[in-house]
C-alpha cells in the first residue's frame, strides 16, 4: 500500500491508563479488557485519509513504568505526533501529566503535535478528573484535547485522525522540512485511494463504531 506521507506517533502516559487498548481499538477495532503490561514498546500501524491523501500512521505504544522510561525517551526522537493519555478515574495519572509533558518537550522535536486524551470516558460515574480540568491543562500547554473510551471506541478515531490533520496542516504551512525524517514524517509515493486492504481503513469509512 503506497502513501503520500507516513507519520510516526508515540503514545505516552502512566501504566494502566489504557494506552495499549487505545492502539488496539484504532488498529484492530477491538477492545481487550485484560491486557498484559507493555514491556518496552509495542507497535501498530494503519492507513487513514486526510485531504484525499492516503497517510500511514506508524504508532509506538510505550510502557508507562518508570523502569522503562529510558527506552520510552528514545522513541520521542523522530515522532511527529504524541498521544498523552491519562485515566479520568485516577487522579494521580492526571497529576503526572506535567512530568510526561516535560519529558516529551525535552526529548522530542519542538513541533511535535501532542493530543491530550482523557481515557475511560465510559466510566464517567467514577470520574476523578473533570472535563474542564482536562481542557484547562491542554489550553495552558498548547495541546489538543478530547476524552475517549478505548472500550466503546468513542473518539478513538478522532484522537488519531485529528492529530494527523494537525500535522498535515503544519506540513502545508511549511513548519516541517519533510525531507528531514527526524521530524517523524516520511514522504511516500502518492498512493491511490481505494486500494487499502486488511486493516487499512480511510477516515471517510471510519467512525461508524463511535458513540
N, C-alpha and C. Protein backbone atom coordinates (compact mmCIF):
# COMPACT_ATOMS: atom_id res chain seq x y z
N UNK A 1 0.85 -1.19 0.00
CA UNK A 1 0.00 0.00 0.00
C UNK A 1 0.88 1.24 0.00
N UNK A 2 0.72 2.06 -1.03
CA UNK A 2 1.52 3.28 -1.08
C UNK A 2 0.81 4.39 -0.31
N UNK A 3 1.56 5.42 0.04
CA UNK A 3 1.00 6.51 0.84
C UNK A 3 1.66 7.81 0.44
N UNK A 4 0.96 8.92 0.72
CA UNK A 4 1.52 10.24 0.44
C UNK A 4 2.53 10.61 1.51
N UNK A 5 2.16 10.32 2.76
CA UNK A 5 3.05 10.58 3.90
C UNK A 5 2.94 9.44 4.91
N UNK A 6 4.01 9.27 5.65
CA UNK A 6 3.98 8.39 6.82
C UNK A 6 4.27 9.27 8.03
N UNK A 7 3.40 9.17 9.04
CA UNK A 7 3.59 9.92 10.28
C UNK A 7 3.89 8.93 11.40
N UNK A 8 4.91 9.23 12.18
CA UNK A 8 5.23 8.40 13.34
C UNK A 8 4.61 9.02 14.59
N UNK A 9 3.92 8.18 15.36
CA UNK A 9 3.28 8.60 16.61
C UNK A 9 3.92 7.86 17.78
N UNK A 10 3.78 8.44 18.96
CA UNK A 10 4.15 7.75 20.19
C UNK A 10 2.98 7.94 21.17
N UNK A 11 2.65 6.89 21.93
CA UNK A 11 1.60 7.00 22.96
C UNK A 11 2.29 6.94 24.32
N UNK A 12 2.05 7.96 25.14
CA UNK A 12 2.73 8.05 26.43
C UNK A 12 1.72 8.29 27.56
N UNK A 13 2.14 8.01 28.78
CA UNK A 13 1.29 8.19 29.94
C UNK A 13 1.56 7.08 30.96
N UNK A 14 0.95 7.22 32.12
CA UNK A 14 1.16 6.26 33.21
C UNK A 14 0.72 4.84 32.84
N UNK A 15 1.22 3.88 33.61
CA UNK A 15 0.80 2.49 33.48
C UNK A 15 -0.70 2.37 33.78
N UNK A 16 -1.40 1.58 32.97
CA UNK A 16 -2.80 1.27 33.25
C UNK A 16 -3.82 2.30 32.80
N UNK A 17 -3.37 3.33 32.06
CA UNK A 17 -4.34 4.34 31.60
C UNK A 17 -5.06 3.90 30.32
N UNK A 18 -4.58 2.81 29.71
CA UNK A 18 -5.25 2.28 28.52
C UNK A 18 -4.56 2.58 27.21
N UNK A 19 -3.25 2.82 27.25
CA UNK A 19 -2.52 3.16 26.01
C UNK A 19 -2.60 2.02 24.98
N UNK A 20 -2.34 0.81 25.42
CA UNK A 20 -2.36 -0.34 24.51
C UNK A 20 -3.77 -0.59 23.98
N UNK A 21 -4.78 -0.34 24.84
CA UNK A 21 -6.17 -0.53 24.42
C UNK A 21 -6.59 0.50 23.38
N UNK A 22 -6.09 1.73 23.53
CA UNK A 22 -6.36 2.77 22.51
C UNK A 22 -5.80 2.34 21.16
N UNK A 23 -4.58 1.86 21.18
CA UNK A 23 -3.93 1.44 19.94
C UNK A 23 -4.68 0.27 19.31
N UNK A 24 -5.05 -0.72 20.12
CA UNK A 24 -5.75 -1.90 19.62
C UNK A 24 -7.11 -1.54 19.03
N UNK A 25 -7.81 -0.63 19.69
CA UNK A 25 -9.12 -0.20 19.19
C UNK A 25 -8.98 0.53 17.86
N UNK A 26 -7.92 1.33 17.73
CA UNK A 26 -7.72 2.09 16.49
C UNK A 26 -7.27 1.19 15.34
N UNK A 27 -6.37 0.26 15.60
CA UNK A 27 -5.83 -0.56 14.51
C UNK A 27 -6.67 -1.80 14.21
N UNK A 28 -7.28 -2.38 15.26
CA UNK A 28 -7.99 -3.66 15.10
C UNK A 28 -9.49 -3.59 15.37
N UNK A 29 -9.97 -2.40 15.80
CA UNK A 29 -11.39 -2.24 16.11
C UNK A 29 -11.87 -3.24 17.17
N UNK A 30 -11.02 -3.49 18.15
CA UNK A 30 -11.46 -4.39 19.22
C UNK A 30 -10.92 -3.91 20.56
N UNK A 31 -11.59 -4.36 21.62
CA UNK A 31 -11.21 -3.99 22.98
C UNK A 31 -10.81 -5.26 23.73
N UNK A 32 -9.67 -5.18 24.38
CA UNK A 32 -9.18 -6.32 25.16
C UNK A 32 -9.17 -5.90 26.62
N UNK A 33 -10.18 -6.37 27.41
CA UNK A 33 -10.29 -5.87 28.79
C UNK A 33 -9.11 -6.22 29.68
N UNK A 34 -8.50 -7.38 29.44
CA UNK A 34 -7.32 -7.75 30.22
C UNK A 34 -6.12 -7.69 29.30
N UNK A 35 -5.19 -6.81 29.61
CA UNK A 35 -4.02 -6.62 28.74
C UNK A 35 -2.77 -6.69 29.60
N UNK A 36 -1.82 -7.51 29.18
CA UNK A 36 -0.55 -7.57 29.91
C UNK A 36 0.12 -6.20 29.88
N UNK A 37 0.87 -5.90 30.92
CA UNK A 37 1.62 -4.65 30.93
C UNK A 37 2.58 -4.63 29.74
N UNK A 38 2.64 -3.48 29.09
CA UNK A 38 3.57 -3.34 27.96
C UNK A 38 5.00 -3.36 28.49
N UNK A 39 5.79 -4.23 27.90
CA UNK A 39 7.21 -4.31 28.25
C UNK A 39 7.98 -3.60 27.14
N UNK A 40 8.56 -2.47 27.48
CA UNK A 40 9.30 -1.73 26.45
C UNK A 40 8.35 -0.98 25.54
N UNK A 41 8.23 -1.45 24.29
CA UNK A 41 7.44 -0.73 23.29
C UNK A 41 6.69 -1.73 22.41
N UNK A 42 5.41 -1.44 22.12
CA UNK A 42 4.64 -2.21 21.15
C UNK A 42 4.36 -1.32 19.94
N UNK A 43 3.94 -1.94 18.86
CA UNK A 43 3.85 -1.22 17.60
C UNK A 43 2.56 -1.55 16.86
N UNK A 44 1.97 -0.55 16.22
CA UNK A 44 0.81 -0.77 15.37
C UNK A 44 0.83 0.22 14.21
N UNK A 45 0.06 -0.06 13.16
CA UNK A 45 0.02 0.83 12.00
C UNK A 45 -1.36 0.78 11.35
N UNK A 46 -1.73 1.89 10.72
CA UNK A 46 -3.00 1.93 9.99
C UNK A 46 -2.98 3.05 8.97
N UNK A 47 -3.69 2.83 7.87
CA UNK A 47 -3.84 3.88 6.86
C UNK A 47 -5.08 4.71 7.18
N UNK A 48 -4.96 6.03 6.98
CA UNK A 48 -6.12 6.92 7.06
C UNK A 48 -6.08 7.83 5.83
N UNK A 49 -7.08 8.68 5.69
CA UNK A 49 -7.09 9.63 4.58
C UNK A 49 -7.28 11.04 5.11
N UNK A 50 -6.39 11.93 4.74
CA UNK A 50 -6.50 13.35 5.10
C UNK A 50 -6.44 14.15 3.80
N UNK A 51 -7.44 15.00 3.57
CA UNK A 51 -7.45 15.83 2.37
C UNK A 51 -7.27 14.99 1.10
N UNK A 52 -7.96 13.85 1.06
CA UNK A 52 -7.91 12.92 -0.08
C UNK A 52 -6.54 12.28 -0.32
N UNK A 53 -5.67 12.37 0.68
CA UNK A 53 -4.34 11.76 0.54
C UNK A 53 -4.21 10.60 1.52
N UNK A 54 -3.72 9.44 1.04
CA UNK A 54 -3.52 8.32 1.95
C UNK A 54 -2.30 8.57 2.84
N UNK A 55 -2.52 8.45 4.13
CA UNK A 55 -1.45 8.69 5.10
C UNK A 55 -1.34 7.47 6.00
N UNK A 56 -0.12 6.99 6.16
CA UNK A 56 0.12 5.84 7.03
C UNK A 56 0.55 6.32 8.40
N UNK A 57 -0.12 5.84 9.43
CA UNK A 57 0.28 6.14 10.79
C UNK A 57 1.05 4.95 11.35
N UNK A 58 2.22 5.23 11.85
CA UNK A 58 3.08 4.21 12.47
C UNK A 58 3.13 4.58 13.96
N UNK A 59 2.56 3.72 14.80
CA UNK A 59 2.29 4.12 16.18
C UNK A 59 3.07 3.24 17.17
N UNK A 60 3.84 3.89 18.01
CA UNK A 60 4.63 3.19 19.04
C UNK A 60 3.95 3.38 20.39
N UNK A 61 3.56 2.28 20.98
CA UNK A 61 2.89 2.27 22.28
C UNK A 61 3.94 1.96 23.34
N UNK A 62 4.14 2.89 24.27
CA UNK A 62 5.26 2.76 25.20
C UNK A 62 4.83 2.28 26.58
N UNK A 63 5.75 1.72 27.31
CA UNK A 63 5.50 1.27 28.68
C UNK A 63 5.42 2.47 29.61
N UNK A 64 4.48 2.40 30.57
CA UNK A 64 4.31 3.53 31.48
C UNK A 64 5.19 3.48 32.71
N UNK A 65 5.76 2.29 33.00
CA UNK A 65 6.54 2.16 34.24
C UNK A 65 7.83 2.97 34.17
N UNK A 66 8.21 3.49 35.31
CA UNK A 66 9.43 4.30 35.42
C UNK A 66 10.65 3.54 34.94
N UNK A 67 10.68 2.22 35.18
CA UNK A 67 11.86 1.42 34.82
C UNK A 67 12.11 1.37 33.31
N UNK A 68 11.05 1.67 32.52
CA UNK A 68 11.22 1.66 31.06
C UNK A 68 11.35 3.07 30.48
N UNK A 69 11.42 4.07 31.36
CA UNK A 69 11.38 5.45 30.89
C UNK A 69 12.52 5.78 29.92
N UNK A 70 13.69 5.19 30.15
CA UNK A 70 14.82 5.49 29.26
C UNK A 70 14.57 4.94 27.86
N UNK A 71 13.89 3.77 27.76
CA UNK A 71 13.55 3.20 26.45
C UNK A 71 12.53 4.12 25.78
N UNK A 72 11.52 4.51 26.55
CA UNK A 72 10.47 5.38 26.02
C UNK A 72 11.06 6.67 25.45
N UNK A 73 12.01 7.26 26.18
CA UNK A 73 12.59 8.54 25.74
C UNK A 73 13.22 8.44 24.36
N UNK A 74 13.81 7.29 24.07
CA UNK A 74 14.48 7.15 22.77
C UNK A 74 13.49 7.19 21.61
N UNK A 75 12.19 6.95 21.91
CA UNK A 75 11.18 6.96 20.85
C UNK A 75 10.58 8.35 20.63
N UNK A 76 10.83 9.28 21.56
CA UNK A 76 10.36 10.65 21.34
C UNK A 76 11.02 11.24 20.11
N UNK A 77 12.29 10.97 19.98
CA UNK A 77 13.01 11.50 18.82
C UNK A 77 12.44 10.83 17.56
N UNK A 78 12.13 11.62 16.58
CA UNK A 78 11.59 11.04 15.35
C UNK A 78 10.10 10.75 15.43
N UNK A 79 9.38 11.41 16.35
CA UNK A 79 7.92 11.27 16.39
C UNK A 79 7.28 12.60 15.98
N UNK A 80 6.32 12.52 15.04
CA UNK A 80 5.63 13.73 14.58
C UNK A 80 4.45 14.07 15.48
N UNK A 81 3.91 13.02 16.12
CA UNK A 81 2.74 13.22 16.97
C UNK A 81 2.82 12.37 18.22
N UNK A 82 2.14 12.82 19.27
CA UNK A 82 2.09 12.04 20.51
C UNK A 82 0.68 12.10 21.08
N UNK A 83 0.22 10.96 21.59
CA UNK A 83 -1.00 10.92 22.38
C UNK A 83 -0.57 10.79 23.84
N UNK A 84 -0.88 11.81 24.63
CA UNK A 84 -0.56 11.83 26.06
C UNK A 84 -1.84 11.43 26.79
N UNK A 85 -1.82 10.26 27.44
CA UNK A 85 -3.05 9.66 27.94
C UNK A 85 -3.09 9.63 29.47
N UNK A 86 -4.26 9.98 30.02
CA UNK A 86 -4.50 9.76 31.45
C UNK A 86 -5.85 9.07 31.61
N UNK A 87 -6.11 8.57 32.81
CA UNK A 87 -7.33 7.85 33.14
C UNK A 87 -8.22 8.79 33.94
N UNK A 88 -9.42 9.09 33.43
CA UNK A 88 -10.28 10.08 34.10
C UNK A 88 -10.74 9.61 35.48
N UNK A 89 -10.57 8.30 35.78
CA UNK A 89 -11.00 7.78 37.08
C UNK A 89 -9.86 7.73 38.10
N UNK A 90 -8.64 8.08 37.66
CA UNK A 90 -7.48 8.03 38.56
C UNK A 90 -6.75 9.36 38.55
N UNK A 91 -6.97 10.13 39.61
CA UNK A 91 -6.42 11.48 39.71
C UNK A 91 -4.91 11.52 39.55
N UNK A 92 -4.21 10.50 40.08
CA UNK A 92 -2.73 10.54 40.03
C UNK A 92 -2.21 10.48 38.60
N UNK A 93 -2.95 9.83 37.69
CA UNK A 93 -2.48 9.76 36.30
C UNK A 93 -2.57 11.13 35.63
N UNK A 94 -3.52 11.96 36.11
CA UNK A 94 -3.65 13.33 35.62
C UNK A 94 -2.54 14.19 36.23
N UNK A 95 -2.28 13.97 37.51
CA UNK A 95 -1.25 14.75 38.20
C UNK A 95 0.14 14.52 37.60
N UNK A 96 0.36 13.36 36.99
CA UNK A 96 1.67 13.04 36.42
C UNK A 96 1.86 13.59 35.00
N UNK A 97 0.81 14.21 34.44
CA UNK A 97 0.90 14.68 33.04
C UNK A 97 2.04 15.67 32.83
N UNK A 98 2.23 16.55 33.80
CA UNK A 98 3.27 17.58 33.65
C UNK A 98 4.64 16.96 33.48
N UNK A 99 4.89 15.86 34.21
CA UNK A 99 6.18 15.16 34.09
C UNK A 99 6.36 14.52 32.73
N UNK A 100 5.27 13.90 32.23
CA UNK A 100 5.33 13.30 30.89
C UNK A 100 5.56 14.37 29.82
N UNK A 101 4.88 15.49 30.00
CA UNK A 101 4.99 16.57 29.02
C UNK A 101 6.40 17.16 29.02
N UNK A 102 6.96 17.29 30.20
CA UNK A 102 8.33 17.80 30.30
C UNK A 102 9.31 16.86 29.58
N UNK A 103 9.11 15.56 29.78
CA UNK A 103 9.92 14.55 29.08
C UNK A 103 9.80 14.70 27.57
N UNK A 104 8.55 14.82 27.12
CA UNK A 104 8.29 14.93 25.68
C UNK A 104 8.95 16.18 25.10
N UNK A 105 8.78 17.29 25.79
CA UNK A 105 9.31 18.56 25.28
C UNK A 105 10.85 18.55 25.28
N UNK A 106 11.41 17.80 26.21
CA UNK A 106 12.86 17.74 26.32
C UNK A 106 13.49 16.85 25.24
N UNK A 107 12.79 15.76 24.89
CA UNK A 107 13.41 14.76 24.02
C UNK A 107 12.85 14.74 22.59
N UNK A 108 11.70 15.39 22.38
CA UNK A 108 11.10 15.37 21.04
C UNK A 108 11.41 16.66 20.31
N UNK A 109 11.08 16.71 19.01
CA UNK A 109 11.28 17.96 18.28
C UNK A 109 10.21 18.96 18.72
N UNK A 110 10.54 20.22 18.62
CA UNK A 110 9.70 21.29 19.18
C UNK A 110 8.33 21.37 18.51
N UNK A 111 8.21 20.89 17.28
CA UNK A 111 6.95 21.00 16.56
C UNK A 111 6.09 19.74 16.63
N UNK A 112 6.44 18.82 17.52
CA UNK A 112 5.63 17.61 17.66
C UNK A 112 4.22 17.99 18.11
N UNK A 113 3.22 17.41 17.47
CA UNK A 113 1.82 17.66 17.81
C UNK A 113 1.40 16.72 18.94
N UNK A 114 0.89 17.29 20.03
CA UNK A 114 0.51 16.46 21.18
C UNK A 114 -1.00 16.55 21.42
N UNK A 115 -1.63 15.39 21.43
CA UNK A 115 -3.06 15.26 21.73
C UNK A 115 -3.20 14.72 23.15
N UNK A 116 -3.88 15.46 24.03
CA UNK A 116 -4.14 15.00 25.39
C UNK A 116 -5.44 14.20 25.37
N UNK A 117 -5.38 12.95 25.84
CA UNK A 117 -6.55 12.07 25.82
C UNK A 117 -6.91 11.64 27.24
N UNK A 118 -8.13 12.01 27.66
CA UNK A 118 -8.67 11.51 28.93
C UNK A 118 -9.40 10.22 28.63
N UNK A 119 -8.78 9.09 28.89
CA UNK A 119 -9.37 7.79 28.54
C UNK A 119 -10.35 7.31 29.61
N UNK A 120 -11.17 6.34 29.21
CA UNK A 120 -12.17 5.67 30.06
C UNK A 120 -13.37 6.57 30.33
N UNK A 121 -13.79 7.32 29.30
CA UNK A 121 -14.97 8.18 29.43
C UNK A 121 -16.24 7.36 29.66
N UNK A 122 -16.17 6.05 29.37
CA UNK A 122 -17.32 5.18 29.65
C UNK A 122 -17.53 4.98 31.16
N UNK A 123 -16.52 5.34 31.97
CA UNK A 123 -16.60 5.21 33.43
C UNK A 123 -16.83 6.57 34.08
N UNK A 124 -17.66 7.39 33.44
CA UNK A 124 -17.89 8.76 33.93
C UNK A 124 -18.45 8.78 35.36
N UNK A 125 -19.16 7.72 35.74
CA UNK A 125 -19.72 7.65 37.10
C UNK A 125 -18.62 7.50 38.16
N UNK A 126 -17.41 7.14 37.72
CA UNK A 126 -16.27 7.02 38.64
C UNK A 126 -15.26 8.14 38.41
N UNK A 127 -15.69 9.17 37.75
CA UNK A 127 -14.80 10.26 37.34
C UNK A 127 -14.08 10.90 38.53
N UNK A 128 -12.76 11.09 38.39
CA UNK A 128 -11.97 11.79 39.41
C UNK A 128 -11.36 13.08 38.85
N UNK A 129 -11.44 13.22 37.51
CA UNK A 129 -10.90 14.42 36.84
C UNK A 129 -11.99 14.97 35.93
N UNK A 130 -12.34 16.24 36.10
CA UNK A 130 -13.41 16.82 35.29
C UNK A 130 -12.93 17.13 33.87
N UNK A 131 -13.89 17.22 32.96
CA UNK A 131 -13.57 17.60 31.58
C UNK A 131 -12.90 18.98 31.57
N UNK A 132 -13.41 19.87 32.42
CA UNK A 132 -12.88 21.25 32.47
C UNK A 132 -11.40 21.25 32.86
N UNK A 133 -11.03 20.37 33.77
CA UNK A 133 -9.61 20.29 34.18
C UNK A 133 -8.74 19.83 33.02
N UNK A 134 -9.24 18.85 32.27
CA UNK A 134 -8.50 18.38 31.09
C UNK A 134 -8.34 19.48 30.07
N UNK A 135 -9.46 20.19 29.82
CA UNK A 135 -9.44 21.30 28.85
C UNK A 135 -8.46 22.39 29.29
N UNK A 136 -8.48 22.69 30.59
CA UNK A 136 -7.62 23.75 31.12
C UNK A 136 -6.14 23.38 30.98
N UNK A 137 -5.80 22.12 31.31
CA UNK A 137 -4.41 21.67 31.21
C UNK A 137 -3.95 21.76 29.75
N UNK A 138 -4.82 21.32 28.83
CA UNK A 138 -4.48 21.35 27.41
C UNK A 138 -4.27 22.79 26.94
N UNK A 139 -5.15 23.67 27.37
CA UNK A 139 -5.06 25.08 26.97
C UNK A 139 -3.76 25.71 27.46
N UNK A 140 -3.42 25.42 28.72
CA UNK A 140 -2.21 26.00 29.31
C UNK A 140 -0.94 25.54 28.60
N UNK A 141 -0.99 24.31 28.07
CA UNK A 141 0.23 23.73 27.49
C UNK A 141 0.19 23.62 25.97
N UNK A 142 -0.82 24.20 25.35
CA UNK A 142 -0.89 24.21 23.89
C UNK A 142 -1.14 22.85 23.27
N UNK A 143 -1.98 22.05 23.91
CA UNK A 143 -2.28 20.70 23.43
C UNK A 143 -3.69 20.65 22.83
N UNK A 144 -3.94 19.65 22.00
CA UNK A 144 -5.31 19.35 21.57
C UNK A 144 -5.88 18.44 22.65
N UNK A 145 -7.17 18.50 22.90
CA UNK A 145 -7.74 17.68 23.98
C UNK A 145 -9.05 17.02 23.59
N UNK A 146 -9.23 15.78 24.02
CA UNK A 146 -10.54 15.15 23.98
C UNK A 146 -10.57 13.98 24.97
N UNK A 147 -11.77 13.69 25.44
CA UNK A 147 -11.94 12.48 26.23
C UNK A 147 -12.35 11.36 25.28
N UNK A 148 -12.00 10.14 25.63
CA UNK A 148 -12.24 9.00 24.74
C UNK A 148 -12.46 7.74 25.57
N UNK A 149 -12.91 6.70 24.89
CA UNK A 149 -13.07 5.41 25.55
C UNK A 149 -12.57 4.31 24.63
N UNK A 150 -11.51 3.64 25.06
CA UNK A 150 -10.99 2.51 24.27
C UNK A 150 -11.99 1.36 24.29
N UNK A 151 -12.86 1.34 25.31
CA UNK A 151 -13.84 0.25 25.42
C UNK A 151 -14.98 0.42 24.42
N UNK A 152 -15.56 1.63 24.37
CA UNK A 152 -16.71 1.87 23.48
C UNK A 152 -16.29 2.42 22.11
N UNK A 153 -15.00 2.75 21.98
CA UNK A 153 -14.42 3.34 20.76
C UNK A 153 -14.79 4.82 20.58
N UNK A 154 -15.44 5.41 21.57
CA UNK A 154 -15.79 6.84 21.46
C UNK A 154 -14.53 7.70 21.32
N UNK A 155 -14.51 8.49 20.25
CA UNK A 155 -13.43 9.47 19.99
C UNK A 155 -12.05 8.85 19.72
N UNK A 156 -11.97 7.54 19.55
CA UNK A 156 -10.66 6.93 19.25
C UNK A 156 -10.20 7.33 17.85
N UNK A 157 -11.10 7.18 16.88
CA UNK A 157 -10.77 7.61 15.51
C UNK A 157 -10.34 9.08 15.51
N UNK A 158 -11.15 9.90 16.18
CA UNK A 158 -10.92 11.34 16.17
C UNK A 158 -9.57 11.70 16.78
N UNK A 159 -9.20 11.02 17.86
CA UNK A 159 -7.94 11.35 18.54
C UNK A 159 -6.76 11.16 17.60
N UNK A 160 -6.72 10.02 16.90
CA UNK A 160 -5.60 9.75 16.00
C UNK A 160 -5.68 10.60 14.73
N UNK A 161 -6.89 10.75 14.18
CA UNK A 161 -7.04 11.44 12.89
C UNK A 161 -6.89 12.96 13.05
N UNK A 162 -7.42 13.52 14.15
CA UNK A 162 -7.25 14.96 14.37
C UNK A 162 -5.78 15.33 14.56
N UNK A 163 -5.04 14.45 15.22
CA UNK A 163 -3.60 14.67 15.38
C UNK A 163 -2.93 14.68 14.01
N UNK A 164 -3.31 13.72 13.17
CA UNK A 164 -2.74 13.64 11.81
C UNK A 164 -3.10 14.87 10.99
N UNK A 165 -4.34 15.35 11.14
CA UNK A 165 -4.78 16.53 10.39
C UNK A 165 -3.97 17.76 10.79
N UNK A 166 -3.65 17.85 12.08
CA UNK A 166 -2.84 18.97 12.57
C UNK A 166 -1.42 18.90 12.01
N UNK A 167 -0.85 17.69 11.99
CA UNK A 167 0.50 17.51 11.42
C UNK A 167 0.48 17.86 9.93
N UNK A 168 -0.55 17.39 9.23
CA UNK A 168 -0.67 17.64 7.80
C UNK A 168 -0.75 19.16 7.53
N UNK A 169 -1.52 19.87 8.37
CA UNK A 169 -1.63 21.33 8.20
C UNK A 169 -0.27 21.99 8.41
N UNK A 170 0.49 21.50 9.38
CA UNK A 170 1.83 22.06 9.63
C UNK A 170 2.73 21.84 8.41
N UNK A 171 2.58 20.70 7.74
CA UNK A 171 3.35 20.45 6.51
C UNK A 171 2.96 21.48 5.45
N UNK A 172 1.63 21.67 5.30
CA UNK A 172 1.13 22.64 4.30
C UNK A 172 1.61 24.06 4.61
N UNK A 173 1.74 24.35 5.91
CA UNK A 173 2.18 25.70 6.32
C UNK A 173 3.69 25.86 6.30
N UNK A 174 4.41 24.81 5.93
CA UNK A 174 5.86 24.90 5.82
C UNK A 174 6.61 24.82 7.14
N UNK A 175 5.93 24.30 8.19
CA UNK A 175 6.58 24.20 9.50
C UNK A 175 7.68 23.14 9.50
N UNK A 176 7.44 22.05 8.76
CA UNK A 176 8.40 20.95 8.73
C UNK A 176 9.20 20.92 7.43
N UNK A 177 10.44 20.56 7.54
CA UNK A 177 11.23 20.20 6.37
C UNK A 177 11.01 18.70 6.16
N UNK A 178 10.08 18.35 5.25
CA UNK A 178 9.69 16.93 5.13
C UNK A 178 10.79 16.04 4.56
N UNK A 179 11.85 16.66 4.07
CA UNK A 179 12.97 15.84 3.59
C UNK A 179 13.82 15.34 4.76
N UNK A 180 13.56 15.89 5.95
CA UNK A 180 14.31 15.50 7.15
C UNK A 180 13.44 14.55 7.97
N UNK A 181 13.75 13.24 7.89
CA UNK A 181 12.90 12.24 8.53
C UNK A 181 12.98 12.25 10.05
N UNK A 182 13.89 13.03 10.62
CA UNK A 182 13.98 13.10 12.08
C UNK A 182 12.74 13.78 12.69
N UNK A 183 11.92 14.43 11.85
CA UNK A 183 10.68 15.03 12.34
C UNK A 183 9.56 14.00 12.46
N UNK A 184 9.82 12.76 12.06
CA UNK A 184 8.80 11.72 12.16
C UNK A 184 7.84 11.71 10.99
N UNK A 185 8.24 12.36 9.90
CA UNK A 185 7.42 12.42 8.70
C UNK A 185 8.23 11.89 7.52
N UNK A 186 7.62 10.98 6.78
CA UNK A 186 8.30 10.43 5.62
C UNK A 186 7.41 10.64 4.40
N UNK A 187 7.97 11.14 3.33
CA UNK A 187 7.20 11.35 2.11
C UNK A 187 7.13 10.03 1.35
N UNK A 188 5.91 9.66 0.96
CA UNK A 188 5.72 8.40 0.24
C UNK A 188 5.65 8.63 -1.26
N UNK A 189 4.98 7.71 -1.93
CA UNK A 189 4.93 7.76 -3.39
C UNK A 189 3.53 8.08 -3.90
N UNK A 190 2.81 8.88 -3.13
CA UNK A 190 1.48 9.30 -3.59
C UNK A 190 0.40 8.34 -3.16
N UNK A 191 0.32 7.19 -3.82
CA UNK A 191 -0.68 6.20 -3.43
C UNK A 191 -2.02 6.47 -4.09
N UNK A 192 -2.74 5.42 -4.32
CA UNK A 192 -4.05 5.53 -4.95
C UNK A 192 -5.11 5.17 -3.93
N UNK A 193 -6.12 6.00 -3.81
CA UNK A 193 -7.18 5.72 -2.85
C UNK A 193 -7.98 4.50 -3.28
N UNK A 194 -8.50 3.80 -2.29
CA UNK A 194 -9.35 2.66 -2.60
C UNK A 194 -8.60 1.36 -2.74
N UNK A 195 -7.27 1.40 -2.58
CA UNK A 195 -6.51 0.16 -2.72
C UNK A 195 -6.18 -0.43 -1.36
N UNK A 196 -6.77 0.16 -0.32
CA UNK A 196 -6.44 -0.32 1.03
C UNK A 196 -6.92 -1.75 1.23
N UNK A 197 -6.13 -2.50 1.94
CA UNK A 197 -6.52 -3.87 2.24
C UNK A 197 -6.27 -4.18 3.69
N UNK A 198 -6.87 -5.25 4.16
CA UNK A 198 -6.64 -5.68 5.54
C UNK A 198 -7.13 -4.64 6.52
N UNK A 199 -6.24 -4.21 7.42
CA UNK A 199 -6.64 -3.29 8.47
C UNK A 199 -6.61 -1.85 7.99
N UNK A 200 -6.18 -1.63 6.76
CA UNK A 200 -6.05 -0.25 6.27
C UNK A 200 -7.45 0.31 5.99
N UNK A 201 -7.77 1.41 6.65
CA UNK A 201 -9.10 1.99 6.52
C UNK A 201 -8.95 3.48 6.34
N UNK A 202 -9.72 4.06 5.43
CA UNK A 202 -9.65 5.52 5.28
C UNK A 202 -10.59 6.16 6.29
N UNK A 203 -10.30 7.42 6.64
CA UNK A 203 -11.08 8.08 7.68
C UNK A 203 -12.53 8.29 7.22
N UNK A 204 -12.76 8.32 5.90
CA UNK A 204 -14.12 8.51 5.42
C UNK A 204 -14.99 7.29 5.69
N UNK A 205 -14.36 6.13 5.77
CA UNK A 205 -15.10 4.90 6.05
C UNK A 205 -15.21 4.67 7.54
N UNK A 206 -14.34 5.33 8.30
CA UNK A 206 -14.21 5.02 9.72
C UNK A 206 -15.20 5.82 10.54
N UNK A 207 -15.28 5.48 11.81
CA UNK A 207 -16.04 6.28 12.74
C UNK A 207 -17.44 5.78 13.01
N UNK A 208 -17.88 4.76 12.27
CA UNK A 208 -19.22 4.23 12.49
C UNK A 208 -19.36 3.56 13.84
N UNK A 209 -18.25 3.14 14.39
CA UNK A 209 -18.30 2.42 15.67
C UNK A 209 -18.37 3.37 16.85
N UNK A 210 -18.17 4.65 16.59
CA UNK A 210 -18.08 5.59 17.72
C UNK A 210 -19.46 6.00 18.19
N UNK A 211 -19.63 6.06 19.49
CA UNK A 211 -20.90 6.50 20.03
C UNK A 211 -20.83 7.96 20.42
